[in-house]
Amino acid sequence: MSEKVVIFHGFSKEELNRITELLKKNFPGQDIIMAITTPTSLQWKVGELISELKKEHEYFKKKG
């Protein structure tokens, strides 16, 4: 199964909070990778960015 990845750009903190709560509510129990763009990530190809996000996500899941 492939991971679900959501990349946010241009949202306010309040909007992000609302959207992430809606995602959690509407996709209960699903492991969704969520990220906010940075100046660096905007320079990457989408495939490279998703690959890096998956690595980071796994690292933080294991770290607990």
Protein backbone atom coordinates (compact mmCIF):
# COMPACT_ATOMS: atom_id res chain seq x y z
CA MET A 1 0.00 0.00 0.00
CA SER A 2 1.35 3.43 -0.85
CA GLU A 3 1.38 6.20 1.71
CA LYS A 4 -0.89 9.18 1.49
CA VAL A 5 1.05 12.43 1.31
CA VAL A 6 -0.39 15.93 1.67
CA ILE A 7 1.87 18.92 1.02
CA PHE A 8 0.60 22.33 2.13
CA HIS A 9 1.66 25.66 0.66
CA GLY A 10 0.42 29.13 1.42
CA PHE A 11 -1.95 28.30 4.28
CA SER A 12 -2.15 30.24 7.53
CA LYS A 13 -1.51 28.45 10.82
CA GLU A 14 -5.22 28.52 11.60
CA GLU A 15 -6.12 27.06 8.21
CA LEU A 16 -3.53 24.32 8.65
CA ASN A 17 -4.95 23.42 12.05
CA ARG A 18 -8.47 23.15 10.62
CA ILE A 19 -7.36 21.13 7.60
CA THR A 20 -5.26 18.68 9.60
CA GLU A 21 -8.12 18.12 12.05
CA LEU A 22 -10.48 17.44 9.13
CA LEU A 23 -8.02 14.98 7.61
CA LYS A 24 -7.63 13.13 10.90
CA LYS A 25 -11.41 13.05 11.39
CA ASN A 26 -12.17 11.88 7.85
CA PHE A 27 -9.34 9.34 7.59
CA PRO A 28 -9.29 7.74 11.06
CA GLY A 29 -6.49 5.30 11.68
CA GLN A 30 -4.76 6.13 8.42
CA ASP A 31 -1.12 7.10 8.44
CA ILE A 32 -1.02 10.31 6.40
CA ILE A 33 2.24 12.15 5.82
CA MET A 34 1.62 15.89 6.07
CA ALA A 35 4.21 18.56 5.33
CA ILE A 36 4.49 22.28 4.81
CA THR A 37 6.63 23.62 1.99
CA THR A 38 9.89 25.38 2.77
CA PRO A 39 12.09 27.50 0.51
CA THR A 40 14.33 24.44 0.10
CA SER A 41 11.53 21.95 -0.60
CA LEU A 42 10.09 24.23 -3.28
CA GLN A 43 13.29 23.68 -5.28
CA TRP A 44 12.97 19.87 -5.24
CA LYS A 45 11.25 17.64 -7.74
CA VAL A 46 8.01 16.26 -6.32
CA GLY A 47 9.24 12.66 -6.36
CA GLU A 48 12.39 13.59 -4.45
CA LEU A 49 10.40 15.57 -1.90
CA ILE A 50 7.95 12.72 -1.30
CA SER A 51 10.82 10.25 -0.92
CA GLU A 52 12.47 12.48 1.69
CA LEU A 53 9.16 13.02 3.52
CA LYS A 54 8.64 9.24 3.72
CA LYS A 55 12.13 8.81 5.22
CA GLU A 56 11.52 11.54 7.78
CA HIS A 57 8.09 10.14 8.63
CA GLU A 58 9.50 6.66 9.28
CA TYR A 59 12.32 8.11 11.39
CA PHE A 60 9.92 10.03 13.64
CA LYS A 61 7.53 7.06 13.91
CA LYS A 62 10.40 4.86 15.16
CA LYS A 63 11.71 7.59 17.45
CA GLY A 64 8.26 7.78 19.02
